């Protein structure tokens, strides 16, 4: 792995945040055009897109699986730890976007 840690850490966070926010809001636009309830569809789309935002942020699942395999089988615990922190960063970005969508839609109050 030739990627530097901190730029990739922030990249994972903000890509997950952007994918979830963008996907939810564009999905809400589609709901508005088709006459569906706008805020409900935005909240539902945010729940459905969360895992895909994490996967998109870490660059797909195969690189992650390869890094975990390398960490366990070849003793590359540094790569394993880096990959784990990048996944946590992506999960944090997805959670932040989910909270923003929740605050925007206020669907948790009903």
PDB file of N, CA and C in Angstrom:
ATOM      1  N   UNK A   1       0.839  -1.159   0.000  1.00  0.00           N
ATOM      2  CA  UNK A   1       0.000   0.000   0.000  1.00  0.00           C
ATOM      3  C   UNK A   1       0.894   1.236   0.000  1.00  0.00           C
ATOM      4  N   UNK A   2       0.771   2.031  -1.035  1.00  0.00           N
ATOM      5  CA  UNK A   2       1.598   3.219  -1.162  1.00  0.00           C
ATOM      6  C   UNK A   2       0.817   4.492  -0.880  1.00  0.00           C
ATOM      7  N   UNK A   3      -0.362   4.360  -0.321  1.00  0.00           N
ATOM      8  CA  UNK A   3      -1.188   5.513  -0.017  1.00  0.00           C
ATOM      9  C   UNK A   3      -0.763   6.091   1.323  1.00  0.00           C
ATOM     10  N   UNK A   4      -0.730   7.417   1.401  1.00  0.00           N
ATOM     11  CA  UNK A   4      -0.445   8.031   2.686  1.00  0.00           C
ATOM     12  C   UNK A   4      -1.703   7.970   3.541  1.00  0.00           C
ATOM     13  N   UNK A   5      -1.508   7.881   4.826  1.00  0.00           N
ATOM     14  CA  UNK A   5      -2.616   7.556   5.719  1.00  0.00           C
ATOM     15  C   UNK A   5      -3.614   8.699   5.884  1.00  0.00           C
ATOM     16  N   UNK A   6      -3.164   9.880   6.317  1.00  0.00           N
ATOM     17  CA  UNK A   6      -4.096  10.946   6.678  1.00  0.00           C
ATOM     18  C   UNK A   6      -4.903  11.492   5.506  1.00  0.00           C
ATOM     19  N   UNK A   7      -4.319  11.709   4.332  1.00  0.00           N
ATOM     20  CA  UNK A   7      -5.174  12.140   3.214  1.00  0.00           C
ATOM     21  C   UNK A   7      -6.242  11.107   2.868  1.00  0.00           C
ATOM     22  N   UNK A   8      -5.895   9.846   2.918  1.00  0.00           N
ATOM     23  CA  UNK A   8      -6.867   8.805   2.628  1.00  0.00           C
ATOM     24  C   UNK A   8      -7.919   8.715   3.716  1.00  0.00           C
ATOM     25  N   UNK A   9      -7.526   8.953   4.958  1.00  0.00           N
ATOM     26  CA  UNK A   9      -8.463   8.945   6.075  1.00  0.00           C
ATOM     27  C   UNK A   9      -9.548  10.005   5.875  1.00  0.00           C
ATOM     28  N   UNK A  10      -9.128  11.229   5.550  1.00  0.00           N
ATOM     29  CA  UNK A  10     -10.099  12.300   5.313  1.00  0.00           C
ATOM     30  C   UNK A  10     -10.887  12.068   4.028  1.00  0.00           C
ATOM     31  N   UNK A  11     -10.231  11.524   3.026  1.00  0.00           N
ATOM     32  CA  UNK A  11     -10.895  11.210   1.768  1.00  0.00           C
ATOM     33  C   UNK A  11     -12.040  10.223   2.002  1.00  0.00           C
ATOM     34  N   UNK A  12     -11.801   9.188   2.770  1.00  0.00           N
ATOM     35  CA  UNK A  12     -12.843   8.200   3.066  1.00  0.00           C
ATOM     36  C   UNK A  12     -14.017   8.840   3.792  1.00  0.00           C
ATOM     37  N   UNK A  13     -13.727   9.702   4.748  1.00  0.00           N
ATOM     38  CA  UNK A  13     -14.784  10.363   5.500  1.00  0.00           C
ATOM     39  C   UNK A  13     -15.668  11.201   4.581  1.00  0.00           C
ATOM     40  N   UNK A  14     -15.053  12.047   3.790  1.00  0.00           N
ATOM     41  CA  UNK A  14     -15.827  12.987   2.985  1.00  0.00           C
ATOM     42  C   UNK A  14     -16.471  12.334   1.768  1.00  0.00           C
ATOM     43  N   UNK A  15     -15.887  11.290   1.227  1.00  0.00           N
ATOM     44  CA  UNK A  15     -16.549  10.580   0.133  1.00  0.00           C
ATOM     45  C   UNK A  15     -17.813   9.905   0.637  1.00  0.00           C
ATOM     46  N   UNK A  16     -17.749   9.252   1.786  1.00  0.00           N
ATOM     47  CA  UNK A  16     -18.954   8.622   2.356  1.00  0.00           C
ATOM     48  C   UNK A  16     -20.011   9.675   2.668  1.00  0.00           C
ATOM     49  N   UNK A  17     -19.594  10.804   3.225  1.00  0.00           N
ATOM     50  CA  UNK A  17     -20.514  11.896   3.517  1.00  0.00           C
ATOM     51  C   UNK A  17     -21.175  12.400   2.235  1.00  0.00           C
ATOM     52  N   UNK A  18     -20.407  12.617   1.203  1.00  0.00           N
ATOM     53  CA  UNK A  18     -20.929  13.131  -0.058  1.00  0.00           C
ATOM     54  C   UNK A  18     -21.827  12.155  -0.788  1.00  0.00           C
ATOM     55  N   UNK A  19     -21.457  10.889  -0.781  1.00  0.00           N
ATOM     56  CA  UNK A  19     -22.288   9.884  -1.450  1.00  0.00           C
ATOM     57  C   UNK A  19     -23.651   9.792  -0.779  1.00  0.00           C
ATOM     58  N   UNK A  20     -23.671   9.776   0.529  1.00  0.00           N
ATOM     59  CA  UNK A  20     -24.939   9.649   1.242  1.00  0.00           C
ATOM     60  C   UNK A  20     -25.791  10.910   1.101  1.00  0.00           C
ATOM     61  N   UNK A  21     -25.196  12.077   1.276  1.00  0.00           N
ATOM     62  CA  UNK A  21     -25.961  13.309   1.120  1.00  0.00           C
ATOM     63  C   UNK A  21     -26.454  13.491  -0.312  1.00  0.00           C
ATOM     64  N   UNK A  22     -25.564  13.318  -1.256  1.00  0.00           N
ATOM     65  CA  UNK A  22     -25.933  13.497  -2.658  1.00  0.00           C
ATOM     66  C   UNK A  22     -26.958  12.489  -3.129  1.00  0.00           C
ATOM     67  N   UNK A  23     -26.750  11.231  -2.781  1.00  0.00           N
ATOM     68  CA  UNK A  23     -27.693  10.198  -3.195  1.00  0.00           C
ATOM     69  C   UNK A  23     -29.074  10.405  -2.600  1.00  0.00           C
ATOM     70  N   UNK A  24     -29.124  10.812  -1.357  1.00  0.00           N
ATOM     71  CA  UNK A  24     -30.410  11.031  -0.699  1.00  0.00           C
ATOM     72  C   UNK A  24     -31.138  12.236  -1.283  1.00  0.00           C
ATOM     73  N   UNK A  25     -30.410  13.310  -1.500  1.00  0.00           N
ATOM     74  CA  UNK A  25     -31.053  14.515  -2.015  1.00  0.00           C
ATOM     75  C   UNK A  25     -31.482  14.363  -3.470  1.00  0.00           C
ATOM     76  N   UNK A  26     -30.687  13.699  -4.275  1.00  0.00           N
ATOM     77  CA  UNK A  26     -31.086  13.456  -5.666  1.00  0.00           C
ATOM     78  C   UNK A  26     -32.243  12.458  -5.708  1.00  0.00           C
ATOM     79  N   UNK A  27     -32.230  11.473  -4.825  1.00  0.00           N
ATOM     80  CA  UNK A  27     -33.374  10.562  -4.709  1.00  0.00           C
ATOM     81  C   UNK A  27     -34.635  11.298  -4.285  1.00  0.00           C
ATOM     82  N   UNK A  28     -34.478  12.300  -3.426  1.00  0.00           N
ATOM     83  CA  UNK A  28     -35.605  13.130  -3.036  1.00  0.00           C
ATOM     84  C   UNK A  28     -36.149  13.940  -4.193  1.00  0.00           C
ATOM     85  N   UNK A  29     -35.265  14.390  -5.069  1.00  0.00           N
ATOM     86  CA  UNK A  29     -35.700  15.105  -6.271  1.00  0.00           C
ATOM     87  C   UNK A  29     -36.553  14.193  -7.148  1.00  0.00           C
ATOM     88  N   UNK A  30     -36.127  12.947  -7.289  1.00  0.00           N
ATOM     89  CA  UNK A  30     -36.911  11.984  -8.064  1.00  0.00           C
ATOM     90  C   UNK A  30     -38.269  11.723  -7.404  1.00  0.00           C
ATOM     91  N   UNK A  31     -38.304  11.672  -6.084  1.00  0.00           N
ATOM     92  CA  UNK A  31     -39.569  11.491  -5.371  1.00  0.00           C
ATOM     93  C   UNK A  31     -40.477  12.692  -5.587  1.00  0.00           C
ATOM     94  N   UNK A  32     -39.915  13.878  -5.585  1.00  0.00           N
ATOM     95  CA  UNK A  32     -40.699  15.088  -5.815  1.00  0.00           C
ATOM     96  C   UNK A  32     -41.306  15.088  -7.213  1.00  0.00           C
ATOM     97  N   UNK A  33     -40.525  14.683  -8.200  1.00  0.00           N
ATOM     98  CA  UNK A  33     -41.011  14.659  -9.587  1.00  0.00           C
ATOM     99  C   UNK A  33     -42.139  13.652  -9.753  1.00  0.00           C
ATOM    100  N   UNK A  34     -42.046  12.518  -9.070  1.00  0.00           N
ATOM    101  CA  UNK A  34     -43.067  11.475  -9.204  1.00  0.00           C
ATOM    102  C   UNK A  34     -44.237  11.642  -8.247  1.00  0.00           C
ATOM    103  N   UNK A  35     -44.206  12.663  -7.402  1.00  0.00           N
ATOM    104  CA  UNK A  35     -45.324  12.930  -6.516  1.00  0.00           C
ATOM    105  C   UNK A  35     -45.314  12.161  -5.201  1.00  0.00           C
ATOM    106  N   UNK A  36     -44.199  11.570  -4.838  1.00  0.00           N
ATOM    107  CA  UNK A  36     -44.063  10.859  -3.562  1.00  0.00           C
ATOM    108  C   UNK A  36     -43.735  11.861  -2.459  1.00  0.00           C
ATOM    109  N   UNK A  37     -43.928  11.486  -1.193  1.00  0.00           N
ATOM    110  CA  UNK A  37     -43.572  12.411  -0.106  1.00  0.00           C
ATOM    111  C   UNK A  37     -42.061  12.640  -0.060  1.00  0.00           C
ATOM    112  N   UNK A  38     -41.692  13.888  -0.207  1.00  0.00           N
ATOM    113  CA  UNK A  38     -40.290  14.258  -0.394  1.00  0.00           C
ATOM    114  C   UNK A  38     -39.406  13.890   0.791  1.00  0.00           C
ATOM    115  N   UNK A  39     -39.724  14.374   1.975  1.00  0.00           N
ATOM    116  CA  UNK A  39     -38.844  14.171   3.118  1.00  0.00           C
ATOM    117  C   UNK A  39     -38.795  12.713   3.560  1.00  0.00           C
ATOM    118  N   UNK A  40     -39.908  12.005   3.432  1.00  0.00           N
ATOM    119  CA  UNK A  40     -39.921  10.584   3.772  1.00  0.00           C
ATOM    120  C   UNK A  40     -39.020   9.791   2.844  1.00  0.00           C
ATOM    121  N   UNK A  41     -39.071  10.101   1.570  1.00  0.00           N
ATOM    122  CA  UNK A  41     -38.219   9.391   0.605  1.00  0.00           C
ATOM    123  C   UNK A  41     -36.749   9.731   0.795  1.00  0.00           C
ATOM    124  N   UNK A  42     -36.442  10.960   1.166  1.00  0.00           N
ATOM    125  CA  UNK A  42     -35.043  11.314   1.439  1.00  0.00           C
ATOM    126  C   UNK A  42     -34.528  10.497   2.616  1.00  0.00           C
ATOM    127  N   UNK A  43     -35.328  10.401   3.678  1.00  0.00           N
ATOM    128  CA  UNK A  43     -34.914   9.628   4.853  1.00  0.00           C
ATOM    129  C   UNK A  43     -34.782   8.146   4.526  1.00  0.00           C
ATOM    130  N   UNK A  44     -35.711   7.602   3.760  1.00  0.00           N
ATOM    131  CA  UNK A  44     -35.640   6.179   3.386  1.00  0.00           C
ATOM    132  C   UNK A  44     -34.447   5.892   2.492  1.00  0.00           C
ATOM    133  N   UNK A  45     -34.164   6.791   1.563  1.00  0.00           N
ATOM    134  CA  UNK A  45     -33.013   6.604   0.673  1.00  0.00           C
ATOM    135  C   UNK A  45     -31.710   6.662   1.456  1.00  0.00           C
ATOM    136  N   UNK A  46     -31.635   7.528   2.459  1.00  0.00           N
ATOM    137  CA  UNK A  46     -30.418   7.620   3.273  1.00  0.00           C
ATOM    138  C   UNK A  46     -30.140   6.305   3.989  1.00  0.00           C
ATOM    139  N   UNK A  47     -31.178   5.640   4.449  1.00  0.00           N
ATOM    140  CA  UNK A  47     -30.999   4.347   5.120  1.00  0.00           C
ATOM    141  C   UNK A  47     -30.523   3.290   4.124  1.00  0.00           C
ATOM    142  N   UNK A  48     -31.085   3.315   2.921  1.00  0.00           N
ATOM    143  CA  UNK A  48     -30.740   2.307   1.912  1.00  0.00           C
ATOM    144  C   UNK A  48     -29.347   2.495   1.320  1.00  0.00           C
ATOM    145  N   UNK A  49     -28.882   3.724   1.246  1.00  0.00           N
ATOM    146  CA  UNK A  49     -27.620   4.039   0.562  1.00  0.00           C
ATOM    147  C   UNK A  49     -26.416   3.978   1.506  1.00  0.00           C
ATOM    148  N   UNK A  50     -26.642   3.887   2.806  1.00  0.00           N
ATOM    149  CA  UNK A  50     -25.554   3.994   3.788  1.00  0.00           C
ATOM    150  C   UNK A  50     -24.415   3.003   3.525  1.00  0.00           C
ATOM    151  N   UNK A  51     -24.715   1.738   3.333  1.00  0.00           N
ATOM    152  CA  UNK A  51     -23.650   0.740   3.132  1.00  0.00           C
ATOM    153  C   UNK A  51     -22.898   0.996   1.837  1.00  0.00           C
ATOM    154  N   UNK A  52     -23.604   1.482   0.807  1.00  0.00           N
ATOM    155  CA  UNK A  52     -22.944   1.753  -0.468  1.00  0.00           C
ATOM    156  C   UNK A  52     -22.032   2.960  -0.362  1.00  0.00           C
ATOM    157  N   UNK A  53     -22.372   3.894   0.496  1.00  0.00           N
ATOM    158  CA  UNK A  53     -21.494   5.044   0.712  1.00  0.00           C
ATOM    159  C   UNK A  53     -20.186   4.597   1.359  1.00  0.00           C
ATOM    160  N   UNK A  54     -20.277   3.685   2.302  1.00  0.00           N
ATOM    161  CA  UNK A  54     -19.071   3.169   2.962  1.00  0.00           C
ATOM    162  C   UNK A  54     -18.210   2.404   1.968  1.00  0.00           C
ATOM    163  N   UNK A  55     -18.833   1.567   1.159  1.00  0.00           N
ATOM    164  CA  UNK A  55     -18.083   0.784   0.176  1.00  0.00           C
ATOM    165  C   UNK A  55     -17.431   1.691  -0.858  1.00  0.00           C
ATOM    166  N   UNK A  56     -18.159   2.705  -1.314  1.00  0.00           N
ATOM    167  CA  UNK A  56     -17.585   3.636  -2.292  1.00  0.00           C
ATOM    168  C   UNK A  56     -16.408   4.401  -1.694  1.00  0.00           C
ATOM    169  N   UNK A  57     -16.496   4.739  -0.428  1.00  0.00           N
ATOM    170  CA  UNK A  57     -15.439   5.521   0.208  1.00  0.00           C
ATOM    171  C   UNK A  57     -14.147   4.735   0.371  1.00  0.00           C
ATOM    172  N   UNK A  58     -14.248   3.452   0.659  1.00  0.00           N
ATOM    173  CA  UNK A  58     -13.021   2.675   0.855  1.00  0.00           C
ATOM    174  C   UNK A  58     -12.500   2.097  -0.449  1.00  0.00           C
ATOM    175  N   UNK A  59     -13.161   2.394  -1.550  1.00  0.00           N
ATOM    176  CA  UNK A  59     -12.645   2.004  -2.856  1.00  0.00           C
ATOM    177  C   UNK A  59     -13.038   0.611  -3.285  1.00  0.00           C
ATOM    178  N   UNK A  60     -14.127   0.091  -2.806  1.00  0.00           N
ATOM    179  CA  UNK A  60     -14.574  -1.239  -3.181  1.00  0.00           C
ATOM    180  C   UNK A  60     -14.164  -2.275  -2.152  1.00  0.00           C
ATOM    181  N   UNK A  61     -14.762  -3.423  -2.232  1.00  0.00           N
ATOM    182  CA  UNK A  61     -14.552  -4.431  -1.206  1.00  0.00           C
ATOM    183  C   UNK A  61     -13.339  -5.311  -1.467  1.00  0.00           C
ATOM    184  N   UNK A  62     -12.908  -5.473  -2.706  1.00  0.00           N
ATOM    185  CA  UNK A  62     -11.828  -6.409  -2.990  1.00  0.00           C
ATOM    186  C   UNK A  62     -10.488  -5.928  -2.443  1.00  0.00           C
ATOM    187  N   UNK A  63     -10.210  -4.646  -2.517  1.00  0.00           N
ATOM    188  CA  UNK A  63      -8.969  -4.122  -1.941  1.00  0.00           C
ATOM    189  C   UNK A  63      -8.966  -4.294  -0.429  1.00  0.00           C
ATOM    190  N   UNK A  64     -10.120  -4.093   0.179  1.00  0.00           N
ATOM    191  CA  UNK A  64     -10.226  -4.252   1.625  1.00  0.00           C
ATOM    192  C   UNK A  64      -9.986  -5.691   2.028  1.00  0.00           C
ATOM    193  N   UNK A  65     -10.592  -6.618   1.315  1.00  0.00           N
ATOM    194  CA  UNK A  65     -10.410  -8.039   1.619  1.00  0.00           C
ATOM    195  C   UNK A  65      -8.954  -8.430   1.419  1.00  0.00           C
ATOM    196  N   UNK A  66      -8.316  -7.915   0.376  1.00  0.00           N
ATOM    197  CA  UNK A  66      -6.909  -8.217   0.130  1.00  0.00           C
ATOM    198  C   UNK A  66      -6.028  -7.687   1.264  1.00  0.00           C
ATOM    199  N   UNK A  67      -6.344  -6.479   1.744  1.00  0.00           N
ATOM    200  CA  UNK A  67      -5.562  -5.913   2.838  1.00  0.00           C
ATOM    201  C   UNK A  67      -5.737  -6.701   4.128  1.00  0.00           C
ATOM    202  N   UNK A  68      -6.958  -7.131   4.404  1.00  0.00           N
ATOM    203  CA  UNK A  68      -7.183  -7.959   5.585  1.00  0.00           C
ATOM    204  C   UNK A  68      -6.457  -9.296   5.461  1.00  0.00           C
ATOM    205  N   UNK A  69      -6.486  -9.883   4.271  1.00  0.00           N
ATOM    206  CA  UNK A  69      -5.784 -11.151   4.056  1.00  0.00           C
ATOM    207  C   UNK A  69      -4.280 -10.961   4.268  1.00  0.00           C
ATOM    208  N   UNK A  70      -3.746  -9.877   3.736  1.00  0.00           N
ATOM    209  CA  UNK A  70      -2.331  -9.591   3.898  1.00  0.00           C
ATOM    210  C   UNK A  70      -1.980  -9.390   5.371  1.00  0.00           C
ATOM    211  N   UNK A  71      -2.869  -8.727   6.103  1.00  0.00           N
ATOM    212  CA  UNK A  71      -2.620  -8.483   7.518  1.00  0.00           C
ATOM    213  C   UNK A  71      -2.631  -9.748   8.338  1.00  0.00           C
ATOM    214  N   UNK A  72      -3.561 -10.648   8.040  1.00  0.00           N
ATOM    215  CA  UNK A  72      -3.661 -11.879   8.817  1.00  0.00           C
ATOM    216  C   UNK A  72      -2.622 -12.921   8.405  1.00  0.00           C
ATOM    217  N   UNK A  73      -2.460 -13.132   7.116  1.00  0.00           N
ATOM    218  CA  UNK A  73      -1.618 -14.230   6.659  1.00  0.00           C
ATOM    219  C   UNK A  73      -0.140 -13.873   6.546  1.00  0.00           C
ATOM    220  N   UNK A  74       0.159 -12.634   6.225  1.00  0.00           N
ATOM    221  CA  UNK A  74       1.549 -12.246   6.027  1.00  0.00           C
ATOM    222  C   UNK A  74       2.106 -11.410   7.171  1.00  0.00           C
ATOM    223  N   UNK A  75       1.329 -11.208   8.192  1.00  0.00           N
ATOM    224  CA  UNK A  75       1.806 -10.469   9.349  1.00  0.00           C
ATOM    225  C   UNK A  75       1.890  -8.968   9.154  1.00  0.00           C
ATOM    226  N   UNK A  76       1.179  -8.435   8.167  1.00  0.00           N
ATOM    227  CA  UNK A  76       1.196  -6.986   7.920  1.00  0.00           C
ATOM    228  C   UNK A  76       0.162  -6.273   8.773  1.00  0.00           C
ATOM    229  N   UNK A  77       0.415  -6.234  10.065  1.00  0.00           N
ATOM    230  CA  UNK A  77      -0.580  -5.650  10.968  1.00  0.00           C
ATOM    231  C   UNK A  77      -0.731  -4.148  10.759  1.00  0.00           C
ATOM    232  N   UNK A  78       0.277  -3.488  10.270  1.00  0.00           N
ATOM    233  CA  UNK A  78       0.168  -2.051   9.997  1.00  0.00           C
ATOM    234  C   UNK A  78      -0.874  -1.796   8.909  1.00  0.00           C
ATOM    235  N   UNK A  79      -0.844  -2.595   7.830  1.00  0.00           N
ATOM    236  CA  UNK A  79      -1.836  -2.453   6.767  1.00  0.00           C
ATOM    237  C   UNK A  79      -3.237  -2.797   7.259  1.00  0.00           C
ATOM    238  N   UNK A  80      -3.328  -3.794   8.099  1.00  0.00           N
ATOM    239  CA  UNK A  80      -4.611  -4.186   8.669  1.00  0.00           C
ATOM    240  C   UNK A  80      -5.186  -3.070   9.532  1.00  0.00           C
ATOM    241  N   UNK A  81      -4.366  -2.461  10.346  1.00  0.00           N
ATOM    242  CA  UNK A  81      -4.798  -1.376  11.213  1.00  0.00           C
ATOM    243  C   UNK A  81      -5.198  -0.141  10.406  1.00  0.00           C
ATOM    244  N   UNK A  82      -4.416   0.179   9.369  1.00  0.00           N
ATOM    245  CA  UNK A  82      -4.757   1.308   8.502  1.00  0.00           C
ATOM    246  C   UNK A  82      -6.113   1.090   7.843  1.00  0.00           C
ATOM    247  N   UNK A  83      -6.315  -0.096   7.304  1.00  0.00           N
ATOM    248  CA  UNK A  83      -7.575  -0.394   6.622  1.00  0.00           C
ATOM    249  C   UNK A  83      -8.753  -0.307   7.595  1.00  0.00           C
ATOM    250  N   UNK A  84      -8.561  -0.783   8.809  1.00  0.00           N
ATOM    251  CA  UNK A  84      -9.601  -0.708   9.824  1.00  0.00           C
ATOM    252  C   UNK A  84      -9.945   0.747  10.135  1.00  0.00           C
ATOM    253  N   UNK A  85      -8.942   1.607  10.269  1.00  0.00           N
ATOM    254  CA  UNK A  85      -9.200   3.013  10.541  1.00  0.00           C
ATOM    255  C   UNK A  85      -9.864   3.713   9.363  1.00  0.00           C
ATOM    256  N   UNK A  86      -9.514   3.326   8.142  1.00  0.00           N
ATOM    257  CA  UNK A  86     -10.173   3.904   6.970  1.00  0.00           C
ATOM    258  C   UNK A  86     -11.646   3.509   6.918  1.00  0.00           C
ATOM    259  N   UNK A  87     -11.947   2.274   7.276  1.00  0.00           N
ATOM    260  CA  UNK A  87     -13.339   1.832   7.325  1.00  0.00           C
ATOM    261  C   UNK A  87     -14.094   2.597   8.407  1.00  0.00           C
ATOM    262  N   UNK A  88     -13.468   2.793   9.565  1.00  0.00           N
ATOM    263  CA  UNK A  88     -14.107   3.586  10.623  1.00  0.00           C
ATOM    264  C   UNK A  88     -14.335   5.025  10.175  1.00  0.00           C
ATOM    265  N   UNK A  89     -13.406   5.580   9.433  1.00  0.00           N
ATOM    266  CA  UNK A  89     -13.574   6.931   8.919  1.00  0.00           C
ATOM    267  C   UNK A  89     -14.754   7.009   7.954  1.00  0.00           C
ATOM    268  N   UNK A  90     -14.873   6.031   7.074  1.00  0.00           N
ATOM    269  CA  UNK A  90     -16.004   5.991   6.135  1.00  0.00           C
ATOM    270  C   UNK A  90     -17.320   5.818   6.883  1.00  0.00           C
ATOM    271  N   UNK A  91     -17.314   4.991   7.914  1.00  0.00           N
ATOM    272  CA  UNK A  91     -18.526   4.814   8.712  1.00  0.00           C
ATOM    273  C   UNK A  91     -18.886   6.113   9.433  1.00  0.00           C
ATOM    274  N   UNK A  92     -17.891   6.854   9.894  1.00  0.00           N
ATOM    275  CA  UNK A  92     -18.140   8.143  10.523  1.00  0.00           C
ATOM    276  C   UNK A  92     -18.734   9.148   9.553  1.00  0.00           C
ATOM    277  N   UNK A  93     -18.239   9.167   8.325  1.00  0.00           N
ATOM    278  CA  UNK A  93     -18.807  10.051   7.305  1.00  0.00           C
ATOM    279  C   UNK A  93     -20.242   9.698   6.974  1.00  0.00           C
ATOM    280  N   UNK A  94     -20.523   8.408   6.886  1.00  0.00           N
ATOM    281  CA  UNK A  94     -21.895   7.968   6.613  1.00  0.00           C
ATOM    282  C   UNK A  94     -22.818   8.304   7.782  1.00  0.00           C
ATOM    283  N   UNK A  95     -22.330   8.155   9.002  1.00  0.00           N
ATOM    284  CA  UNK A  95     -23.138   8.481  10.174  1.00  0.00           C
ATOM    285  C   UNK A  95     -23.398   9.985  10.251  1.00  0.00           C
ATOM    286  N   UNK A  96     -22.396  10.795   9.945  1.00  0.00           N
ATOM    287  CA  UNK A  96     -22.580  12.241   9.942  1.00  0.00           C
ATOM    288  C   UNK A  96     -23.630  12.652   8.921  1.00  0.00           C
ATOM    289  N   UNK A  97     -23.539  12.098   7.716  1.00  0.00           N
ATOM    290  CA  UNK A  97     -24.530  12.411   6.680  1.00  0.00           C
ATOM    291  C   UNK A  97     -25.908  11.930   7.087  1.00  0.00           C
ATOM    292  N   UNK A  98     -25.982  10.779   7.717  1.00  0.00           N
ATOM    293  CA  UNK A  98     -27.262  10.263   8.184  1.00  0.00           C
ATOM    294  C   UNK A  98     -27.882  11.186   9.230  1.00  0.00           C
ATOM    295  N   UNK A  99     -27.064  11.723  10.131  1.00  0.00           N
ATOM    296  CA  UNK A  99     -27.561  12.679  11.120  1.00  0.00           C
ATOM    297  C   UNK A  99     -28.031  13.979  10.471  1.00  0.00           C
ATOM    298  N   UNK A 100     -27.301  14.445   9.480  1.00  0.00           N
ATOM    299  CA  UNK A 100     -27.703  15.660   8.764  1.00  0.00           C
ATOM    300  C   UNK A 100     -29.049  15.444   8.072  1.00  0.00           C
ATOM    301  N   UNK A 101     -29.208  14.296   7.421  1.00  0.00           N
ATOM    302  CA  UNK A 101     -30.476  13.975   6.762  1.00  0.00           C
ATOM    303  C   UNK A 101     -31.588  13.859   7.798  1.00  0.00           C
ATOM    304  N   UNK A 102     -31.293  13.250   8.917  1.00  0.00           N
ATOM    305  CA  UNK A 102     -32.289  13.108   9.982  1.00  0.00           C
ATOM    306  C   UNK A 102     -32.717  14.477  10.514  1.00  0.00           C
ATOM    307  N   UNK A 103     -31.759  15.380  10.706  1.00  0.00           N
ATOM    308  CA  UNK A 103     -32.087  16.729  11.164  1.00  0.00           C
ATOM    309  C   UNK A 103     -32.880  17.487  10.103  1.00  0.00           C
ATOM    310  N   UNK A 104     -32.512  17.281   8.840  1.00  0.00           N
ATOM    311  CA  UNK A 104     -33.183  17.975   7.746  1.00  0.00           C
ATOM    312  C   UNK A 104     -34.637  17.522   7.601  1.00  0.00           C
ATOM    313  N   UNK A 105     -34.859  16.235   7.670  1.00  0.00           N
ATOM    314  CA  UNK A 105     -36.185  15.699   7.399  1.00  0.00           C
ATOM    315  C   UNK A 105     -37.074  15.622   8.626  1.00  0.00           C
ATOM    316  N   UNK A 106     -36.480  15.540   9.812  1.00  0.00           N
ATOM    317  CA  UNK A 106     -37.229  15.397  11.068  1.00  0.00           C
ATOM    318  C   UNK A 106     -38.148  14.170  11.047  1.00  0.00           C
ATOM    319  N   UNK A 107     -37.754  13.123  10.311  1.00  0.00           N
ATOM    320  CA  UNK A 107     -38.561  11.898  10.234  1.00  0.00           C
ATOM    321  C   UNK A 107     -38.533  11.094  11.517  1.00  0.00           C
ATOM    322  N   UNK A 108     -37.521  11.289  12.342  1.00  0.00           N
ATOM    323  CA  UNK A 108     -37.429  10.543  13.599  1.00  0.00           C
ATOM    324  C   UNK A 108     -38.435  11.015  14.630  1.00  0.00           C
ATOM    325  N   UNK A 109     -39.088  12.144  14.394  1.00  0.00           N
ATOM    326  CA  UNK A 109     -40.047  12.680  15.364  1.00  0.00           C
ATOM    327  C   UNK A 109     -41.435  12.069  15.209  1.00  0.00           C
ATOM    328  N   UNK A 110     -41.710  11.492  14.062  1.00  0.00           N
ATOM    329  CA  UNK A 110     -43.065  10.951  13.860  1.00  0.00           C
ATOM    330  C   UNK A 110     -43.204   9.528  14.258  1.00  0.00           C
TER     331      UNK A 110
END
